[in-house]
Structure formats: C-alpha cells, structure tokens
C-alpha atoms as a PDB file:
ATOM      1  CA  UNK A   1       8.676 -24.310  -3.393  1.00  0.00           C
ATOM      2  CA  UNK A   2       9.874 -20.982  -4.964  1.00  0.00           C
ATOM      3  CA  UNK A   3       9.852 -17.322  -4.525  1.00  0.00           C
ATOM      4  CA  UNK A   4       9.049 -14.737  -7.198  1.00  0.00           C
ATOM      5  CA  UNK A   5      10.579 -11.218  -6.590  1.00  0.00           C
ATOM      6  CA  UNK A   6       9.585  -8.331  -8.886  1.00  0.00           C
ATOM      7  CA  UNK A   7      11.555  -5.183  -8.576  1.00  0.00           C
ATOM      8  CA  UNK A   8      14.535  -3.141  -9.589  1.00  0.00           C
ATOM      9  CA  UNK A   9      17.869  -4.354 -10.966  1.00  0.00           C
ATOM     10  CA  UNK A  10      20.310  -1.487 -10.907  1.00  0.00           C
ATOM     11  CA  UNK A  11      23.754  -0.090 -10.898  1.00  0.00           C
ATOM     12  CA  UNK A  12      24.650   2.055  -8.002  1.00  0.00           C
ATOM     13  CA  UNK A  13      27.385   4.554  -7.359  1.00  0.00           C
ATOM     14  CA  UNK A  14      27.867   5.083  -3.577  1.00  0.00           C
ATOM     15  CA  UNK A  15      30.128   7.143  -1.380  1.00  0.00           C
ATOM     16  CA  UNK A  16      30.306   6.680   2.413  1.00  0.00           C
ATOM     17  CA  UNK A  17      32.838   7.839   5.008  1.00  0.00           C
ATOM     18  CA  UNK A  18      34.639   4.546   4.482  1.00  0.00           C
ATOM     19  CA  UNK A  19      34.981   4.540   0.709  1.00  0.00           C
ATOM     20  CA  UNK A  20      33.270   4.670  -2.493  1.00  0.00           C
ATOM     21  CA  UNK A  21      32.182   2.706  -5.656  1.00  0.00           C
ATOM     22  CA  UNK A  22      31.583   4.394  -9.071  1.00  0.00           C
ATOM     23  CA  UNK A  23      29.558   1.459 -10.381  1.00  0.00           C
ATOM     24  CA  UNK A  24      28.463  -1.576  -8.439  1.00  0.00           C
ATOM     25  CA  UNK A  25      25.466  -3.930  -8.836  1.00  0.00           C
ATOM     26  CA  UNK A  26      22.457  -2.988  -6.777  1.00  0.00           C
ATOM     27  CA  UNK A  27      18.592  -2.733  -6.943  1.00  0.00           C
ATOM     28  CA  UNK A  28      15.918  -4.056  -4.597  1.00  0.00           C
ATOM     29  CA  UNK A  29      15.276  -7.169  -6.494  1.00  0.00           C
ATOM     30  CA  UNK A  30      19.114  -8.033  -6.508  1.00  0.00           C
ATOM     31  CA  UNK A  31      19.586  -7.617  -2.793  1.00  0.00           C
ATOM     32  CA  UNK A  32      16.379  -9.445  -2.025  1.00  0.00           C
ATOM     33  CA  UNK A  33      17.224 -12.444  -4.188  1.00  0.00           C
ATOM     34  CA  UNK A  34      20.797 -12.878  -2.872  1.00  0.00           C
ATOM     35  CA  UNK A  35      19.354 -12.965   0.755  1.00  0.00           C
ATOM     36  CA  UNK A  36      16.271 -15.070  -0.091  1.00  0.00           C
ATOM     37  CA  UNK A  37      18.349 -17.675  -2.032  1.00  0.00           C
ATOM     38  CA  UNK A  38      19.847 -19.091   1.265  1.00  0.00           C
ATOM     39  CA  UNK A  39      16.418 -20.584   2.055  1.00  0.00           C
ATOM     40  CA  UNK A  40      14.438 -21.296  -1.316  1.00  0.00           C
ATOM     41  CA  UNK A  41      14.579 -21.125  -4.971  1.00  0.00           C
ATOM     42  CA  UNK A  42      14.254 -17.540  -6.219  1.00  0.00           C
ATOM     43  CA  UNK A  43      12.905 -16.215  -9.482  1.00  0.00           C
ATOM     44  CA  UNK A  44      13.788 -12.612 -10.496  1.00  0.00           C
ATOM     45  CA  UNK A  45      11.472 -10.384 -12.572  1.00  0.00           C
ATOM     46  CA  UNK A  46      12.940  -7.001 -13.667  1.00  0.00           C
ATOM     47  CA  UNK A  47      14.313  -5.140 -16.577  1.00  0.00           C
ATOM     48  CA  UNK A  48      17.900  -4.416 -17.442  1.00  0.00           C
ATOM     49  CA  UNK A  49      19.811  -2.721 -20.349  1.00  0.00           C
ATOM     50  CA  UNK A  50      22.633  -3.852 -22.699  1.00  0.00           C
ATOM     51  CA  UNK A  51      25.087  -2.646 -20.056  1.00  0.00           C
ATOM     52  CA  UNK A  52      24.013  -5.544 -17.742  1.00  0.00           C
ATOM     53  CA  UNK A  53      26.566  -8.118 -18.635  1.00  0.00           C
ATOM     54  CA  UNK A  54      27.322 -11.747 -17.896  1.00  0.00           C
ATOM     55  CA  UNK A  55      29.302 -10.861 -14.741  1.00  0.00           C
ATOM     56  CA  UNK A  56      26.286  -9.085 -13.261  1.00  0.00           C
ATOM     57  CA  UNK A  57      23.943 -11.881 -14.349  1.00  0.00           C
ATOM     58  CA  UNK A  58      26.155 -14.446 -12.696  1.00  0.00           C
ATOM     59  CA  UNK A  59      26.037 -12.560  -9.398  1.00  0.00           C
ATOM     60  CA  UNK A  60      22.256 -12.264  -9.607  1.00  0.00           C
ATOM     61  CA  UNK A  61      22.090 -16.137 -10.218  1.00  0.00           C
ATOM     62  CA  UNK A  62      24.166 -16.990  -7.133  1.00  0.00           C
ATOM     63  CA  UNK A  63      22.883 -19.925  -5.226  1.00  0.00           C
ATOM     64  CA  UNK A  64      20.748 -21.018  -8.138  1.00  0.00           C
ATOM     65  CA  UNK A  65      18.449 -17.970  -8.545  1.00  0.00           C
ATOM     66  CA  UNK A  66      16.472 -18.167 -11.695  1.00  0.00           C
ATOM     67  CA  UNK A  67      17.060 -15.187 -14.120  1.00  0.00           C
ATOM     68  CA  UNK A  68      14.805 -16.332 -16.955  1.00  0.00           C
ATOM     69  CA  UNK A  69      12.321 -13.407 -16.344  1.00  0.00           C
ATOM     70  CA  UNK A  70      15.052 -10.876 -16.424  1.00  0.00           C
ATOM     71  CA  UNK A  71      14.102  -8.757 -19.408  1.00  0.00           C
ATOM     72  CA  UNK A  72      17.301  -7.354 -21.250  1.00  0.00           C
ATOM     73  CA  UNK A  73      15.955  -4.443 -23.280  1.00  0.00           C
ATOM     74  CA  UNK A  74      17.892  -4.027 -26.443  1.00  0.00           C
ATOM     75  CA  UNK A  75      19.624  -0.571 -26.703  1.00  0.00           C
ATOM     76  CA  UNK A  76      18.521   0.278 -23.201  1.00  0.00           C
ATOM     77  CA  UNK A  77      20.431   1.216 -20.118  1.00  0.00           C
ATOM     78  CA  UNK A  78      19.969  -0.199 -16.718  1.00  0.00           C
ATOM     79  CA  UNK A  79      18.436   1.727 -13.747  1.00  0.00           C
ATOM     80  CA  UNK A  80      21.072   3.813 -12.130  1.00  0.00           C
ATOM     81  CA  UNK A  81      21.205   5.512  -8.628  1.00  0.00           C
ATOM     82  CA  UNK A  82      23.912   7.612  -7.040  1.00  0.00           C
ATOM     83  CA  UNK A  83      24.035   8.455  -3.418  1.00  0.00           C
ATOM     84  CA  UNK A  84      26.171   9.692  -0.550  1.00  0.00           C
ATOM     85  CA  UNK A  85      26.173   8.831   3.151  1.00  0.00           C
ATOM     86  CA  UNK A  86      27.450  10.937   5.954  1.00  0.00           C
ATOM     87  CA  UNK A  87      28.574   9.728   9.366  1.00  0.00           C
ATOM     88  CA  UNK A  88      24.868   9.085  10.144  1.00  0.00           C
ATOM     89  CA  UNK A  89      24.513   6.013   7.964  1.00  0.00           C
ATOM     90  CA  UNK A  90      20.711   6.058   8.671  1.00  0.00           C
ATOM     91  CA  UNK A  91      20.265   8.947   6.247  1.00  0.00           C
ATOM     92  CA  UNK A  92      21.670   9.531   2.658  1.00  0.00           C
ATOM     93  CA  UNK A  93      21.565  12.090  -0.038  1.00  0.00           C
ATOM     94  CA  UNK A  94      20.438  11.051  -3.450  1.00  0.00           C
ATOM     95  CA  UNK A  95      22.596  12.734  -6.130  1.00  0.00           C
ATOM     96  CA  UNK A  96      21.286  11.144  -9.233  1.00  0.00           C
ATOM     97  CA  UNK A  97      18.584   8.761 -10.362  1.00  0.00           C
ATOM     98  CA  UNK A  98      18.241   7.525 -13.900  1.00  0.00           C
ATOM     99  CA  UNK A  99      15.105   5.219 -14.458  1.00  0.00           C
ATOM    100  CA  UNK A 100      16.310   4.260 -17.970  1.00  0.00           C
ATOM    101  CA  UNK A 101      14.642   0.937 -18.836  1.00  0.00           C
ATOM    102  CA  UNK A 102      12.817   0.932 -15.533  1.00  0.00           C
ATOM    103  CA  UNK A 103      10.742   3.869 -16.787  1.00  0.00           C
ATOM    104  CA  UNK A 104       8.584   1.798 -19.241  1.00  0.00           C
ATOM    105  CA  UNK A 105       8.728  -1.479 -17.278  1.00  0.00           C
ATOM    106  CA  UNK A 106       5.593  -3.548 -17.373  1.00  0.00           C
ATOM    107  CA  UNK A 107       6.021  -6.860 -15.460  1.00  0.00           C
ATOM    108  CA  UNK A 108       5.342  -9.861 -17.564  1.00  0.00           C
ATOM    109  CA  UNK A 109       5.830 -13.133 -15.639  1.00  0.00           C
ATOM    110  CA  UNK A 110       6.385 -16.544 -17.066  1.00  0.00           C
ATOM    111  CA  UNK A 111       4.187 -19.429 -15.937  1.00  0.00           C
ATOM    112  CA  UNK A 112       6.843 -20.622 -13.590  1.00  0.00           C
ATOM    113  CA  UNK A 113       7.121 -17.163 -11.868  1.00  0.00           C
ATOM    114  CA  UNK A 114       3.272 -16.962 -11.672  1.00  0.00           C
ATOM    115  CA  UNK A 115       3.092 -20.235  -9.970  1.00  0.00           C
ATOM    116  CA  UNK A 116       5.560 -19.537  -7.218  1.00  0.00           C
ATOM    117  CA  UNK A 117       4.030 -20.151  -3.756  1.00  0.00           C
ATOM    118  CA  UNK A 118       5.594 -16.849  -2.360  1.00  0.00           C
ATOM    119  CA  UNK A 119       5.583 -13.470  -4.006  1.00  0.00           C
ATOM    120  CA  UNK A 120       7.583 -10.400  -2.900  1.00  0.00           C
ATOM    121  CA  UNK A 121       6.620  -7.067  -4.458  1.00  0.00           C
ATOM    122  CA  UNK A 122       9.783  -4.993  -4.008  1.00  0.00           C
ATOM    123  CA  UNK A 123       9.635  -1.124  -4.130  1.00  0.00           C
ATOM    124  CA  UNK A 124       7.996  -0.379  -7.461  1.00  0.00           C
ATOM    125  CA  UNK A 125       5.025   1.795  -8.573  1.00  0.00           C
ATOM    126  CA  UNK A 126       1.809   0.417  -6.744  1.00  0.00           C
ATOM    127  CA  UNK A 127      -0.043   0.122 -10.018  1.00  0.00           C
ATOM    128  CA  UNK A 128       2.550  -2.376 -11.224  1.00  0.00           C
ATOM    129  CA  UNK A 129       2.294  -4.234  -7.954  1.00  0.00           C
ATOM    130  CA  UNK A 130      -1.420  -4.643  -8.427  1.00  0.00           C
ATOM    131  CA  UNK A 131      -0.824  -5.989 -11.925  1.00  0.00           C
ATOM    132  CA  UNK A 132       1.673  -8.577 -10.627  1.00  0.00           C
ATOM    133  CA  UNK A 133      -0.752  -9.671  -7.835  1.00  0.00           C
ATOM    134  CA  UNK A 134      -3.399 -10.336 -10.531  1.00  0.00           C
ATOM    135  CA  UNK A 135      -0.822 -12.598 -12.353  1.00  0.00           C
ATOM    136  CA  UNK A 136       0.014 -14.475  -9.092  1.00  0.00           C
ATOM    137  CA  UNK A 137      -3.327 -15.438  -7.695  1.00  0.00           C
ATOM    138  CA  UNK A 138      -2.026 -18.953  -6.481  1.00  0.00           C
ATOM    139  CA  UNK A 139       0.581 -17.480  -4.203  1.00  0.00           C
ATOM    140  CA  UNK A 140       0.229 -18.756  -0.591  1.00  0.00           C
ATOM    141  CA  UNK A 141       2.235 -15.886   1.017  1.00  0.00           C
ATOM    142  CA  UNK A 142       2.590 -12.470  -0.472  1.00  0.00           C
ATOM    143  CA  UNK A 143       4.611  -9.502   0.888  1.00  0.00           C
ATOM    144  CA  UNK A 144       5.167  -5.837  -0.242  1.00  0.00           C
ATOM    145  CA  UNK A 145       7.744  -3.154   0.218  1.00  0.00           C
ATOM    146  CA  UNK A 146       7.194   0.517  -0.714  1.00  0.00           C
ATOM    147  CA  UNK A 147       8.555   4.012  -0.035  1.00  0.00           C
ATOM    148  CA  UNK A 148       7.546   7.604   1.012  1.00  0.00           C
ATOM    149  CA  UNK A 149       7.192   8.644  -2.691  1.00  0.00           C
ATOM    150  CA  UNK A 150       4.386   6.169  -3.366  1.00  0.00           C
ATOM    151  CA  UNK A 151       2.728   7.198  -0.079  1.00  0.00           C
ATOM    152  CA  UNK A 152       2.686  10.726  -1.316  1.00  0.00           C
ATOM    153  CA  UNK A 153       1.699  10.389  -4.946  1.00  0.00           C
ATOM    154  CA  UNK A 154      -0.114   6.978  -5.192  1.00  0.00           C
ATOM    155  CA  UNK A 155      -1.462   6.359  -1.794  1.00  0.00           C
ATOM    156  CA  UNK A 156      -4.813   4.896  -2.849  1.00  0.00           C
ATOM    157  CA  UNK A 157      -3.125   2.378  -5.248  1.00  0.00           C
ATOM    158  CA  UNK A 158      -0.690   1.511  -2.439  1.00  0.00           C
ATOM    159  CA  UNK A 159      -3.670   0.970   0.014  1.00  0.00           C
ATOM    160  CA  UNK A 160      -5.242  -1.324  -2.534  1.00  0.00           C
ATOM    161  CA  UNK A 161      -2.083  -3.369  -2.766  1.00  0.00           C
ATOM    162  CA  UNK A 162      -1.820  -3.583   1.010  1.00  0.00           C
ATOM    163  CA  UNK A 163      -5.283  -4.824   1.380  1.00  0.00           C
ATOM    164  CA  UNK A 164      -4.415  -7.821  -0.937  1.00  0.00           C
ATOM    165  CA  UNK A 165      -1.198  -9.036   0.620  1.00  0.00           C
ATOM    166  CA  UNK A 166      -0.243 -11.070   3.688  1.00  0.00           C
ATOM    167  CA  UNK A 167       2.714  -9.006   4.871  1.00  0.00           C
ATOM    168  CA  UNK A 168       3.733  -5.330   4.719  1.00  0.00           C
ATOM    169  CA  UNK A 169       7.429  -4.506   5.155  1.00  0.00           C
ATOM    170  CA  UNK A 170       8.028  -0.776   5.596  1.00  0.00           C
ATOM    171  CA  UNK A 171      10.385   1.332   7.688  1.00  0.00           C
ATOM    172  CA  UNK A 172       8.954   2.954  10.726  1.00  0.00           C
ATOM    173  CA  UNK A 173       8.767   6.530   9.325  1.00  0.00           C
ATOM    174  CA  UNK A 174       6.869   5.153   6.254  1.00  0.00           C
ATOM    175  CA  UNK A 175       4.322   3.288   8.578  1.00  0.00           C
ATOM    176  CA  UNK A 176       3.605   6.555  10.370  1.00  0.00           C
ATOM    177  CA  UNK A 177       3.335   8.502   7.239  1.00  0.00           C
ATOM    178  CA  UNK A 178       0.964   5.930   5.690  1.00  0.00           C
ATOM    179  CA  UNK A 179      -1.382   6.007   8.613  1.00  0.00           C
ATOM    180  CA  UNK A 180      -0.719   9.451  10.037  1.00  0.00           C
ATOM    181  CA  UNK A 181      -0.371   7.634  13.457  1.00  0.00           C
ATOM    182  CA  UNK A 182       1.853   9.039  16.225  1.00  0.00           C
ATOM    183  CA  UNK A 183       3.956   5.820  16.915  1.00  0.00           C
ATOM    184  CA  UNK A 184       4.987   2.433  15.459  1.00  0.00           C
ATOM    185  CA  UNK A 185       2.622   0.133  17.261  1.00  0.00           C
ATOM    186  CA  UNK A 186      -0.508   2.245  16.505  1.00  0.00           C
ATOM    187  CA  UNK A 187       0.519   2.614  12.928  1.00  0.00           C
ATOM    188  CA  UNK A 188       1.082  -1.189  12.502  1.00  0.00           C
ATOM    189  CA  UNK A 189      -2.275  -2.029  14.194  1.00  0.00           C
ATOM    190  CA  UNK A 190      -4.027   0.340  11.616  1.00  0.00           C
ATOM    191  CA  UNK A 191      -2.236  -1.374   8.632  1.00  0.00           C
ATOM    192  CA  UNK A 192      -3.249  -4.765   9.999  1.00  0.00           C
ATOM    193  CA  UNK A 193      -6.911  -3.535   9.865  1.00  0.00           C
ATOM    194  CA  UNK A 194      -6.466  -2.925   6.168  1.00  0.00           C
ATOM    195  CA  UNK A 195      -6.129  -6.738   5.563  1.00  0.00           C
ATOM    196  CA  UNK A 196      -2.567  -8.036   6.123  1.00  0.00           C
ATOM    197  CA  UNK A 197      -1.808 -10.477   8.883  1.00  0.00           C
ATOM    198  CA  UNK A 198       1.824  -9.421   9.389  1.00  0.00           C
ATOM    199  CA  UNK A 199       3.544  -5.985   9.512  1.00  0.00           C
ATOM    200  CA  UNK A 200       7.317  -5.743   9.797  1.00  0.00           C
ATOM    201  CA  UNK A 201       8.828  -2.247  10.595  1.00  0.00           C
ATOM    202  CA  UNK A 202      12.517  -1.763   9.507  1.00  0.00           C
ATOM    203  CA  UNK A 203      14.289   0.503  11.903  1.00  0.00           C
ATOM    204  CA  UNK A 204      17.828   0.723  10.442  1.00  0.00           C
ATOM    205  CA  UNK A 205      20.679   0.383  12.957  1.00  0.00           C
ATOM    206  CA  UNK A 206      17.935   0.104  15.671  1.00  0.00           C
ATOM    207  CA  UNK A 207      16.748  -3.320  14.308  1.00  0.00           C
ATOM    208  CA  UNK A 208      13.242  -4.330  13.294  1.00  0.00           C
ATOM    209  CA  UNK A 209       9.886  -5.018  14.917  1.00  0.00           C
ATOM    210  CA  UNK A 210       7.175  -7.480  14.071  1.00  0.00           C
ATOM    211  CA  UNK A 211       3.446  -6.921  14.680  1.00  0.00           C
ATOM    212  CA  UNK A 212       0.479  -9.319  14.295  1.00  0.00           C
ATOM    213  CA  UNK A 213      -3.045  -9.184  15.574  1.00  0.00           C
ATOM    214  CA  UNK A 214      -1.946 -11.010  18.749  1.00  0.00           C
ATOM    215  CA  UNK A 215       1.712 -10.318  19.283  1.00  0.00           C
ATOM    216  CA  UNK A 216       4.523  -7.854  19.171  1.00  0.00           C
ATOM    217  CA  UNK A 217       8.208  -8.816  18.662  1.00  0.00           C
ATOM    218  CA  UNK A 218      11.351  -6.815  18.369  1.00  0.00           C
ATOM    219  CA  UNK A 219      15.027  -7.419  17.612  1.00  0.00           C
ATOM    220  CA  UNK A 220      18.032  -5.072  17.679  1.00  0.00           C
ATOM    221  CA  UNK A 221      20.406  -4.854  14.807  1.00  0.00           C
ATOM    222  CA  UNK A 222      23.383  -7.063  15.267  1.00  0.00           C
ATOM    223  CA  UNK A 223      26.161  -5.027  16.916  1.00  0.00           C
ATOM    224  CA  UNK A 224      28.950  -4.392  14.398  1.00  0.00           C
ATOM    225  CA  UNK A 225      32.245  -2.558  14.755  1.00  0.00           C
ATOM    226  CA  UNK A 226      32.591  -2.205  11.060  1.00  0.00           C
ATOM    227  CA  UNK A 227      29.586  -0.793   8.961  1.00  0.00           C
ATOM    228  CA  UNK A 228      30.817   0.263   5.388  1.00  0.00           C
ATOM    229  CA  UNK A 229      27.701   0.683   3.267  1.00  0.00           C
ATOM    230  CA  UNK A 230      24.042   0.295   4.305  1.00  0.00           C
ATOM    231  CA  UNK A 231      22.705   0.371   0.727  1.00  0.00           C
ATOM    232  CA  UNK A 232      20.389  -2.769   0.227  1.00  0.00           C
ATOM    233  CA  UNK A 233      20.337  -3.586   3.915  1.00  0.00           C
ATOM    234  CA  UNK A 234      16.564  -3.364   4.058  1.00  0.00           C
ATOM    235  CA  UNK A 235      16.082  -5.446   0.941  1.00  0.00           C
ATOM    236  CA  UNK A 236      18.576  -7.949   2.377  1.00  0.00           C
ATOM    237  CA  UNK A 237      16.527  -8.081   5.569  1.00  0.00           C
ATOM    238  CA  UNK A 238      13.291  -8.663   3.568  1.00  0.00           C
ATOM    239  CA  UNK A 239      15.073 -11.383   1.541  1.00  0.00           C
ATOM    240  CA  UNK A 240      16.128 -13.206   4.632  1.00  0.00           C
ATOM    241  CA  UNK A 241      12.685 -12.765   6.327  1.00  0.00           C
ATOM    242  CA  UNK A 242      10.553 -13.719   3.371  1.00  0.00           C
ATOM    243  CA  UNK A 243      12.889 -16.563   2.298  1.00  0.00           C
ATOM    244  CA  UNK A 244      12.712 -18.177   5.599  1.00  0.00           C
ATOM    245  CA  UNK A 245       8.817 -17.801   5.636  1.00  0.00           C
ATOM    246  CA  UNK A 246       8.804 -19.418   2.359  1.00  0.00           C
ATOM    247  CA  UNK A 247      10.818 -22.350   3.334  1.00  0.00           C
ATOM    248  CA  UNK A 248       8.400 -23.006   6.308  1.00  0.00           C
ATOM    249  CA  UNK A 249       5.088 -22.172   4.791  1.00  0.00           C
ATOM    250  CA  UNK A 250       3.762 -25.648   5.626  1.00  0.00           C
ATOM    251  CA  UNK A 251       4.188 -24.698   9.330  1.00  0.00           C
ATOM    252  CA  UNK A 252       1.927 -21.775   8.845  1.00  0.00           C
ATOM    253  CA  UNK A 253       2.474 -18.011   9.979  1.00  0.00           C
ATOM    254  CA  UNK A 254       3.007 -19.066  13.550  1.00  0.00           C
ATOM    255  CA  UNK A 255       4.836 -16.717  15.978  1.00  0.00           C
ATOM    256  CA  UNK A 256       7.750 -19.254  15.995  1.00  0.00           C
ATOM    257  CA  UNK A 257       8.160 -19.146  12.244  1.00  0.00           C
ATOM    258  CA  UNK A 258       7.933 -15.311  11.967  1.00  0.00           C
ATOM    259  CA  UNK A 259      10.313 -14.631  14.853  1.00  0.00           C
ATOM    260  CA  UNK A 260      12.880 -16.992  13.405  1.00  0.00           C
ATOM    261  CA  UNK A 261      12.428 -15.243  10.141  1.00  0.00           C
ATOM    262  CA  UNK A 262      13.065 -11.941  11.849  1.00  0.00           C
ATOM    263  CA  UNK A 263      16.445 -13.480  13.107  1.00  0.00           C
ATOM    264  CA  UNK A 264      17.523 -14.738   9.738  1.00  0.00           C
ATOM    265  CA  UNK A 265      16.541 -11.394   8.054  1.00  0.00           C
ATOM    266  CA  UNK A 266      18.633  -9.562  10.645  1.00  0.00           C
ATOM    267  CA  UNK A 267      21.577 -12.001  10.235  1.00  0.00           C
ATOM    268  CA  UNK A 268      21.762 -11.584   6.420  1.00  0.00           C
ATOM    269  CA  UNK A 269      21.394  -7.819   6.585  1.00  0.00           C
ATOM    270  CA  UNK A 270      24.163  -7.544   9.145  1.00  0.00           C
ATOM    271  CA  UNK A 271      26.632  -9.111   6.704  1.00  0.00           C
ATOM    272  CA  UNK A 272      25.366  -6.868   3.793  1.00  0.00           C
ATOM    273  CA  UNK A 273      26.489  -3.619   5.508  1.00  0.00           C
ATOM    274  CA  UNK A 274      30.029  -5.009   6.199  1.00  0.00           C
ATOM    275  CA  UNK A 275      31.074  -4.205   2.516  1.00  0.00           C
ATOM    276  CA  UNK A 276      29.831  -2.267  -0.443  1.00  0.00           C
ATOM    277  CA  UNK A 277      26.739  -3.326  -2.425  1.00  0.00           C
ATOM    278  CA  UNK A 278      26.395  -7.021  -2.944  1.00  0.00           C
ATOM    279  CA  UNK A 279      30.167  -7.812  -2.306  1.00  0.00           C
ATOM    280  CA  UNK A 280      29.659  -9.520   0.991  1.00  0.00           C
ATOM    281  CA  UNK A 281      26.387 -11.360   0.509  1.00  0.00           C
ATOM    282  CA  UNK A 282      27.375 -12.602  -2.923  1.00  0.00           C
ATOM    283  CA  UNK A 283      30.181 -14.838  -1.337  1.00  0.00           C
ATOM    284  CA  UNK A 284      28.499 -15.345   2.007  1.00  0.00           C
ATOM    285  CA  UNK A 285      27.971 -18.976   3.097  1.00  0.00           C
ATOM    286  CA  UNK A 286      24.984 -20.702   4.813  1.00  0.00           C
ATOM    287  CA  UNK A 287      27.185 -21.615   7.807  1.00  0.00           C
ATOM    288  CA  UNK A 288      28.133 -18.022   8.341  1.00  0.00           C
ATOM    289  CA  UNK A 289      24.377 -17.124   8.299  1.00  0.00           C
ATOM    290  CA  UNK A 290      23.702 -19.713  10.956  1.00  0.00           C
ATOM    291  CA  UNK A 291      26.566 -18.560  13.125  1.00  0.00           C
ATOM    292  CA  UNK A 292      25.310 -14.986  13.123  1.00  0.00           C
ATOM    293  CA  UNK A 293      21.797 -16.205  13.785  1.00  0.00           C
ATOM    294  CA  UNK A 294      23.063 -18.100  16.876  1.00  0.00           C
ATOM    295  CA  UNK A 295      24.961 -15.007  17.906  1.00  0.00           C
ATOM    296  CA  UNK A 296      21.596 -12.915  17.649  1.00  0.00           C
ATOM    297  CA  UNK A 297      19.960 -15.509  19.881  1.00  0.00           C
ATOM    298  CA  UNK A 298      22.557 -15.380  22.500  1.00  0.00           C
ATOM    299  CA  UNK A 299      22.726 -11.426  22.782  1.00  0.00           C
ATOM    300  CA  UNK A 300      18.919 -11.371  23.053  1.00  0.00           C
ATOM    301  CA  UNK A 301      18.414 -14.277  25.471  1.00  0.00           C
ATOM    302  CA  UNK A 302      17.943 -13.935  29.417  1.00  0.00           C
ATOM    303  CA  UNK A 303      16.434 -15.900  32.218  1.00  0.00           C
ATOM    304  CA  UNK A 304      13.515 -14.296  34.078  1.00  0.00           C
ATOM    305  CA  UNK A 305      11.695 -16.929  35.966  1.00  0.00           C
ATOM    306  CA  UNK A 306      10.689 -15.162  39.068  1.00  0.00           C
ATOM    307  CA  UNK A 307      10.361 -11.439  38.928  1.00  0.00           C
ATOM    308  CA  UNK A 308      10.242 -10.845  42.730  1.00  0.00           C
ATOM    309  CA  UNK A 309      13.443 -12.965  43.242  1.00  0.00           C
ATOM    310  CA  UNK A 310      15.377 -11.084  40.546  1.00  0.00           C
ATOM    311  CA  UNK A 311      14.536  -7.496  41.371  1.00  0.00           C
END
C-alpha cells in the first residue's frame, strides 16, 4: 500500500519565546510525509525551486518517502513563510508569505502516485484539490485539510471537495466557520451530512476530537514540559492519523482503527513540537512513537465498572 500527499514544500523562518530559526525545512506535505512514513510508503507531490537542495530532499525522503513527483522548477524559489509565536503558542503572527513556485503550481501526478490506495490533500487551493481527486479515482481512503482563507474565498469549491472525500481534518475554529454552527459537535455533524464518514477536529494544546455518524472520541494532547515550536504539529498529527489508517485499510474504518490512529497522530505531533520544524521528527524512531502511544493510553485509561459503587 502507499499514500500520496499533495501540498506545500517550504522554507520557514520562525521565532518563538524559546529561540528562532531563520531558515528551516517546512511545508504541510513535508511534515505530513515525515509522520506518515512510520506506517506506510509515502509519495510526495509538490513544487520546489532551485534553492531546495540535496540536504532538504534527503530529509524529505526519510524512511523511504518517494520524491519522484517533487517538481523542481528551474530558476524558481521555494515557497517561504515567516512567523512569530508569543507565549500563547496556540496563536501566531504571519510576518511574510512568498508563494514563489507554489503560485503557479498545477499538480501532475505520476501513474504510481495516482494509484496509491490513500490520498491526503494538504492545505492548498480547493480547485487544485478537486483536480487531484479526479486523477486519483482508485484511492480507497481520501482525506482533506484546509484553512480559514479558503473557507472565506473559495467555500463552494471546498464544499465540493468535502463532498468527495472520506475524512475531513480541520481545526475546531475552521469547522465552526465552515458550518456557522455554534459548537464543535454540531459543526462536525453538519460536515458528515455533506458526504465524509469521518471528521477530525484539531484543537492544538487541547488535543483532538473524532466524530463519525455513530460515535464521538476525544484525546488530550500529550502533556509536555518542553514545547519549543508548534509549526507543523497539525500536519504531523494528520500524517500519523492518515498513515495509521492507510496501514490498516483492510480492517475497514472501524472505531478501533480510527481511535488508534488518533493515538498515533497525537504521539507523532507531540514529538514534533519539542524542537524546531522537522528537527525532531526527522530523527525520530518507531520505538519512540510506540512508547509515546503507550504513555497516551496510560494517561487516558481508567476503570469504571460500577457507577454506584465508585461515586
């Protein structure tokens, strides 16, 4: 099995209260691929410029990720984002965005990428996402991410994408914005009625929630004493979640599979925030992910056999 991810490959400049980096590897597709590669083969589709060198490509290819569909645009510059976080790491200020080669990106997938059984549409313009869906009709599991900008300026196209995928992964504010619903559960139920069978709400330091037609499940974020940089945490979570589902497609989208996927997404994302950019996840080992997953199970487990006796 394999996963195709279509999205941004970038250079980021980030400042947090705990340090800064003037230039580091970033982008939604990058963070997703590094996380998903623990569970399945990943194929990355996205554009870069001449400034994206062998070192960056090697990091992207960590754990065997296929980079054949990374388009290196001659004479171009890679997408660039600069931002700053204050003490509240849930919010950030964007200081500079340079689309560069991403401005004219038109996804063209190889036969191998088109035939992947799992497809993740990272945060790109919804019209491009629709085009990718048309190239990947054989995918057994499809998931999409988006952002507030596309909800504001391309909502109808985004709704068309949502109607064609199996899973929607947004943060809780985006879900409420999309549906104009007053709370997370109501918003998720409305999105499910559009066609998907799974909605995942990212909630930053408060964890994530999973909503299907028949169930609701939530996990807290893993408690950390050291959080350095949250950039890419949401994409790392998505990579862990979608990667685990992809590796267990033959079991179906059962509650057990989806809930375990939530655990692994949370585990990888918790490592991501411990250092800047891709620094931690690029050298992360599978046994460290498993150890963190077991710790998440431990902190969320309790016995409750007889309510009257335990009150």
